[in-house]
């Protein structure tokens, strides 16, 4: 049994919130650079260049990649042999989000009640997903996600008879409906299977995968390639102003489902696909 103090968790979450908003993951930066060589539209290439320049300025000057610094999702993988001491894990995570957004001068976008719309003042609460795993480690991933892309999320409860073609039609249709709103080039997360909430969670977690990394399952990887080709034929292009690169990647995650259903969820992320991860293996300060 290993013990970790909530104070360390708060410190690390605060750092992750700042870093995620200031530093685009290297794999996403590389995908954007590669897209400049693929894009045929001069305007599209110019927009991609500006996106890359924006990312470089944000990283160097420690300022946000985007004015919408997002609602924070936190993915927690905690070993069953880990004991969290000194308080509540959820409270420690939210304290880290509040500190990170205050110290980083990041926009506070969360309202405490969805109908009365009073700002919480510190960008909390976060949306926290827990996964209990074997071992004595802890892995935290912070994903700040703006609502220009989040508002384009789609869920389809398809019939089993709709099959693979029905899934492709739904996914491409969801991206087409979103149009320029999620600030393309996007990354498309697709969750297939489970029930409604599982499919949505699969789609959101799919956005954490590096753009250049295909699905492990060969059939899922083939579906990803077909969907990416179909999505890029839509022609929205960088910034939604026309071009070949509407999406940098399509990531498919699947899960077993009921004999009577075929849930499909689509979660889009803008060109600034922001997330940072910290792993703890029993060290005090790493």
Protein backbone atom coordinates (compact mmCIF):
# COMPACT_ATOMS: atom_id res chain seq x y z
CA UNK A 1 0.00 0.00 0.00
CA UNK A 2 1.39 3.40 -1.05
CA UNK A 3 0.17 6.67 0.37
CA UNK A 4 -0.16 9.97 -1.47
CA UNK A 5 -1.10 13.28 0.13
CA UNK A 6 -3.94 15.34 -1.31
CA UNK A 7 -1.67 18.39 -1.21
CA UNK A 8 0.59 16.85 -3.86
CA UNK A 9 -2.41 16.05 -6.03
CA UNK A 10 -3.65 19.65 -5.77
CA UNK A 11 -0.20 20.96 -6.73
CA UNK A 12 0.04 18.68 -9.76
CA UNK A 13 -3.48 19.36 -11.02
CA UNK A 14 -2.83 23.11 -10.81
CA UNK A 15 0.34 22.66 -12.88
CA UNK A 16 -1.44 20.44 -15.40
CA UNK A 17 -4.19 23.03 -15.88
CA UNK A 18 -1.67 25.73 -16.67
CA UNK A 19 0.52 23.56 -18.89
CA UNK A 20 -2.43 22.16 -20.84
CA UNK A 21 -3.67 25.65 -21.65
CA UNK A 22 -0.23 26.94 -22.62
CA UNK A 23 1.41 23.96 -24.35
CA UNK A 24 -0.10 22.04 -27.24
CA UNK A 25 0.92 18.35 -27.12
CA UNK A 26 3.90 17.70 -29.37
CA UNK A 27 1.99 15.07 -31.37
CA UNK A 28 -0.76 17.59 -32.16
CA UNK A 29 1.82 20.21 -33.18
CA UNK A 30 3.44 17.66 -35.50
CA UNK A 31 0.07 16.78 -37.04
CA UNK A 32 -0.63 20.45 -37.74
CA UNK A 33 2.79 20.89 -39.34
CA UNK A 34 2.22 17.81 -41.52
CA UNK A 35 -1.19 19.16 -42.53
CA UNK A 36 0.48 22.21 -44.09
CA UNK A 37 2.14 19.87 -46.57
CA UNK A 38 -1.17 18.20 -47.44
CA UNK A 39 -3.47 21.20 -47.64
CA UNK A 40 -3.97 22.40 -51.21
CA UNK A 41 -5.80 25.64 -50.47
CA UNK A 42 -3.46 28.65 -50.12
CA UNK A 43 -5.82 30.14 -47.57
CA UNK A 44 -5.91 26.83 -45.71
CA UNK A 45 -2.11 26.68 -45.59
CA UNK A 46 -2.01 30.25 -44.29
CA UNK A 47 -4.49 29.42 -41.53
CA UNK A 48 -2.51 26.33 -40.54
CA UNK A 49 0.61 28.46 -40.36
CA UNK A 50 -1.16 30.93 -38.09
CA UNK A 51 -2.40 28.09 -35.86
CA UNK A 52 1.16 26.78 -35.52
CA UNK A 53 2.47 30.27 -34.84
CA UNK A 54 -0.21 30.77 -32.19
CA UNK A 55 0.85 27.53 -30.49
CA UNK A 56 4.49 28.60 -30.47
CA UNK A 57 3.66 32.00 -28.96
CA UNK A 58 1.46 30.41 -26.29
CA UNK A 59 4.20 27.97 -25.31
CA UNK A 60 6.97 30.57 -25.22
CA UNK A 61 5.07 33.37 -23.51
CA UNK A 62 2.96 31.13 -21.21
CA UNK A 63 -0.36 32.50 -22.39
CA UNK A 64 -3.51 30.56 -23.32
CA UNK A 65 -3.76 28.85 -26.68
CA UNK A 66 -7.36 30.09 -26.86
CA UNK A 67 -9.48 32.61 -24.99
CA UNK A 68 -11.89 29.75 -24.18
CA UNK A 69 -9.86 27.92 -21.56
CA UNK A 70 -12.56 25.30 -21.31
CA UNK A 71 -14.39 23.17 -18.84
CA UNK A 72 -11.90 20.79 -17.25
CA UNK A 73 -12.29 17.04 -17.53
CA UNK A 74 -9.97 15.01 -15.31
CA UNK A 75 -9.34 11.34 -16.00
CA UNK A 76 -8.08 9.53 -12.91
CA UNK A 77 -6.52 6.07 -13.02
CA UNK A 78 -5.85 5.09 -9.43
CA UNK A 79 -4.31 1.84 -8.28
CA UNK A 80 -6.32 -0.23 -5.85
CA UNK A 81 -3.28 -0.30 -3.55
CA UNK A 82 -3.07 3.51 -3.28
CA UNK A 83 -4.28 5.34 -0.19
CA UNK A 84 -5.07 9.06 -0.52
CA UNK A 85 -4.39 10.81 2.77
CA UNK A 86 -5.30 14.19 4.18
CA UNK A 87 -8.70 14.73 2.63
CA UNK A 88 -10.97 14.06 -0.30
CA UNK A 89 -9.46 13.21 -3.69
CA UNK A 90 -12.25 14.99 -5.57
CA UNK A 91 -11.86 18.10 -3.42
CA UNK A 92 -8.10 18.04 -3.96
CA UNK A 93 -8.59 17.88 -7.73
CA UNK A 94 -11.04 20.77 -7.74
CA UNK A 95 -8.73 22.80 -5.50
CA UNK A 96 -5.98 22.22 -8.08
CA UNK A 97 -8.21 23.39 -10.91
CA UNK A 98 -9.14 26.53 -8.99
CA UNK A 99 -5.51 27.30 -8.18
CA UNK A 100 -4.28 26.59 -11.70
CA UNK A 101 -6.88 28.88 -13.26
CA UNK A 102 -6.21 31.65 -10.74
CA UNK A 103 -2.41 31.50 -10.92
CA UNK A 104 -2.42 31.08 -14.70
CA UNK A 105 -4.80 34.00 -15.25
CA UNK A 106 -7.05 31.65 -17.20
CA UNK A 107 -10.65 32.56 -18.01
CA UNK A 108 -13.22 31.22 -15.56
CA UNK A 109 -16.06 29.86 -17.66
CA UNK A 110 -18.10 27.66 -15.32
CA UNK A 111 -21.53 28.63 -13.97
CA UNK A 112 -22.64 26.99 -10.72
CA UNK A 113 -26.17 26.32 -11.97
CA UNK A 114 -26.95 25.57 -15.62
CA UNK A 115 -30.19 27.58 -15.53
CA UNK A 116 -29.44 30.52 -13.21
CA UNK A 117 -25.99 31.04 -14.80
CA UNK A 118 -23.99 32.47 -11.89
CA UNK A 119 -20.24 32.09 -12.48
CA UNK A 120 -18.51 29.89 -9.91
CA UNK A 121 -15.53 32.24 -10.01
CA UNK A 122 -12.75 29.62 -10.19
CA UNK A 123 -13.64 27.33 -13.14
CA UNK A 124 -14.81 24.54 -10.84
CA UNK A 125 -16.20 22.02 -10.52
CA UNK A 126 -14.30 19.84 -12.94
CA UNK A 127 -15.85 16.74 -14.49
CA UNK A 128 -13.93 13.85 -12.93
CA UNK A 129 -13.84 10.29 -14.27
CA UNK A 130 -12.43 7.57 -12.00
CA UNK A 131 -10.98 4.26 -13.11
CA UNK A 132 -9.70 1.89 -10.42
CA UNK A 133 -6.85 -0.22 -11.78
CA UNK A 134 -4.48 -2.85 -10.37
CA UNK A 135 -1.27 -1.68 -8.69
CA UNK A 136 -0.05 1.20 -6.56
CA UNK A 137 0.25 4.05 -9.06
CA UNK A 138 -1.77 7.12 -9.95
CA UNK A 139 -2.25 8.72 -13.36
CA UNK A 140 -3.99 12.06 -13.82
CA UNK A 141 -4.92 13.52 -17.20
CA UNK A 142 -6.34 17.03 -17.40
CA UNK A 143 -8.31 18.02 -20.50
CA UNK A 144 -9.56 21.61 -20.77
CA UNK A 145 -12.16 21.60 -23.56
CA UNK A 146 -13.86 24.65 -25.00
CA UNK A 147 -17.53 24.63 -25.81
CA UNK A 148 -17.23 25.67 -29.43
CA UNK A 149 -16.33 22.04 -30.04
CA UNK A 150 -18.16 20.52 -27.08
CA UNK A 151 -21.47 21.90 -28.32
CA UNK A 152 -21.00 19.82 -31.49
CA UNK A 153 -21.14 16.50 -29.59
CA UNK A 154 -23.61 14.01 -31.07
CA UNK A 155 -25.17 10.77 -29.80
CA UNK A 156 -26.98 8.30 -32.01
CA UNK A 157 -28.82 5.25 -30.72
CA UNK A 158 -28.69 3.31 -33.96
CA UNK A 159 -30.34 0.01 -34.75
CA UNK A 160 -28.08 -3.05 -35.05
CA UNK A 161 -29.27 -3.39 -38.65
CA UNK A 162 -27.73 0.01 -39.44
CA UNK A 163 -24.36 -1.69 -39.15
CA UNK A 164 -21.01 -0.31 -40.20
CA UNK A 165 -22.44 1.82 -43.01
CA UNK A 166 -24.91 3.39 -40.60
CA UNK A 167 -22.09 4.24 -38.20
CA UNK A 168 -20.10 5.91 -40.99
CA UNK A 169 -23.13 7.89 -42.13
CA UNK A 170 -23.83 9.11 -38.60
CA UNK A 171 -20.24 10.14 -37.88
CA UNK A 172 -19.74 12.00 -41.16
CA UNK A 173 -23.16 13.60 -40.75
CA UNK A 174 -22.24 14.83 -37.26
CA UNK A 175 -19.05 16.47 -38.56
CA UNK A 176 -20.96 17.95 -41.50
CA UNK A 177 -23.57 19.41 -39.17
CA UNK A 178 -20.85 20.91 -36.98
CA UNK A 179 -19.34 22.62 -40.02
CA UNK A 180 -16.90 25.39 -39.08
CA UNK A 181 -18.18 25.75 -35.50
CA UNK A 182 -15.57 23.52 -33.76
CA UNK A 183 -12.64 25.46 -35.32
CA UNK A 184 -11.17 22.92 -37.74
CA UNK A 185 -8.97 21.11 -38.40
CA UNK A 186 -10.60 18.94 -35.78
CA UNK A 187 -9.85 15.63 -34.16
CA UNK A 188 -12.89 13.36 -34.23
CA UNK A 189 -13.47 11.03 -31.31
CA UNK A 190 -15.91 8.19 -31.99
CA UNK A 191 -17.34 5.87 -29.35
CA UNK A 192 -19.20 2.77 -30.50
CA UNK A 193 -21.00 0.37 -28.17
CA UNK A 194 -21.79 0.18 -24.49
CA UNK A 195 -24.83 2.25 -23.59
CA UNK A 196 -25.49 5.95 -24.16
CA UNK A 197 -23.16 7.33 -21.49
CA UNK A 198 -20.44 4.77 -22.21
CA UNK A 199 -20.38 5.66 -25.90
CA UNK A 200 -20.03 9.35 -25.05
CA UNK A 201 -17.19 8.65 -22.61
CA UNK A 202 -15.40 6.50 -25.19
CA UNK A 203 -15.65 9.32 -27.72
CA UNK A 204 -14.27 11.88 -25.25
CA UNK A 205 -11.39 9.64 -24.17
CA UNK A 206 -10.57 8.91 -27.82
CA UNK A 207 -9.43 12.53 -28.12
CA UNK A 208 -6.52 11.79 -25.77
CA UNK A 209 -4.84 9.52 -28.30
CA UNK A 210 -2.01 11.00 -30.39
CA UNK A 211 -3.23 11.95 -33.89
CA UNK A 212 -0.67 9.69 -35.56
CA UNK A 213 -1.58 6.61 -33.48
CA UNK A 214 -4.21 4.28 -35.01
CA UNK A 215 -6.51 2.01 -33.06
CA UNK A 216 -4.97 -1.25 -31.87
CA UNK A 217 -7.77 -3.31 -33.40
CA UNK A 218 -7.21 -3.66 -37.15
CA UNK A 219 -10.89 -3.28 -38.04
CA UNK A 220 -11.20 -0.14 -35.92
CA UNK A 221 -8.07 1.26 -37.57
CA UNK A 222 -9.54 0.58 -41.02
CA UNK A 223 -12.76 2.34 -40.02
CA UNK A 224 -10.70 5.32 -38.82
CA UNK A 225 -8.99 5.62 -42.20
CA UNK A 226 -12.29 5.42 -44.07
CA UNK A 227 -13.92 8.00 -41.83
CA UNK A 228 -10.98 10.40 -42.08
CA UNK A 229 -11.12 10.24 -45.88
CA UNK A 230 -14.89 10.84 -45.88
CA UNK A 231 -14.69 13.70 -43.38
CA UNK A 232 -11.96 15.47 -45.33
CA UNK A 233 -14.04 15.23 -48.49
CA UNK A 234 -16.58 17.53 -46.79
CA UNK A 235 -14.28 20.40 -47.73
CA UNK A 236 -14.62 22.65 -44.68
CA UNK A 237 -10.85 22.87 -44.34
CA UNK A 238 -8.76 24.86 -41.86
CA UNK A 239 -10.79 27.52 -40.09
CA UNK A 240 -13.89 26.29 -41.92
CA UNK A 241 -12.94 28.45 -44.92
CA UNK A 242 -12.47 25.64 -47.41
CA UNK A 243 -9.74 23.12 -47.99
CA UNK A 244 -8.66 19.53 -47.87
CA UNK A 245 -7.83 19.19 -44.14
CA UNK A 246 -11.05 19.32 -42.14
CA UNK A 247 -9.78 16.72 -39.66
CA UNK A 248 -6.30 15.78 -38.49
CA UNK A 249 -7.46 12.35 -37.28
CA UNK A 250 -10.44 10.17 -36.49
CA UNK A 251 -10.12 7.95 -33.42
CA UNK A 252 -12.51 5.05 -32.86
CA UNK A 253 -13.01 3.31 -29.52
CA UNK A 254 -15.40 0.37 -29.17
CA UNK A 255 -17.05 -1.54 -26.31
CA UNK A 256 -19.44 -4.51 -26.09
CA UNK A 257 -23.12 -3.58 -26.29
CA UNK A 258 -26.64 -4.98 -26.01
CA UNK A 259 -28.14 -7.21 -28.72
CA UNK A 260 -30.84 -4.58 -29.39
CA UNK A 261 -28.64 -1.51 -29.75
CA UNK A 262 -25.79 0.20 -31.56
CA UNK A 263 -24.88 3.40 -29.67
CA UNK A 264 -22.57 5.79 -31.52
CA UNK A 265 -21.15 9.01 -30.09
CA UNK A 266 -19.10 11.71 -31.78
CA UNK A 267 -16.98 14.16 -29.80
CA UNK A 268 -15.02 16.81 -31.68
CA UNK A 269 -12.02 18.78 -30.55
CA UNK A 270 -10.73 21.93 -32.18
CA UNK A 271 -7.22 22.32 -33.59
CA UNK A 272 -6.00 23.04 -30.02
CA UNK A 273 -6.53 19.55 -28.62
CA UNK A 274 -5.31 20.29 -25.09
CA UNK A 275 -4.40 17.74 -22.43
CA UNK A 276 -1.58 16.99 -20.01
CA UNK A 277 -0.80 13.88 -17.96
CA UNK A 278 1.09 13.25 -14.73
CA UNK A 279 1.99 9.79 -13.43
CA UNK A 280 2.93 8.96 -9.83
CA UNK A 281 4.67 5.75 -8.85
CA UNK A 282 5.29 6.44 -5.18
CA UNK A 283 7.71 9.34 -5.52
CA UNK A 284 7.11 12.35 -3.31
CA UNK A 285 7.68 15.13 -5.81
CA UNK A 286 7.75 13.78 -9.36
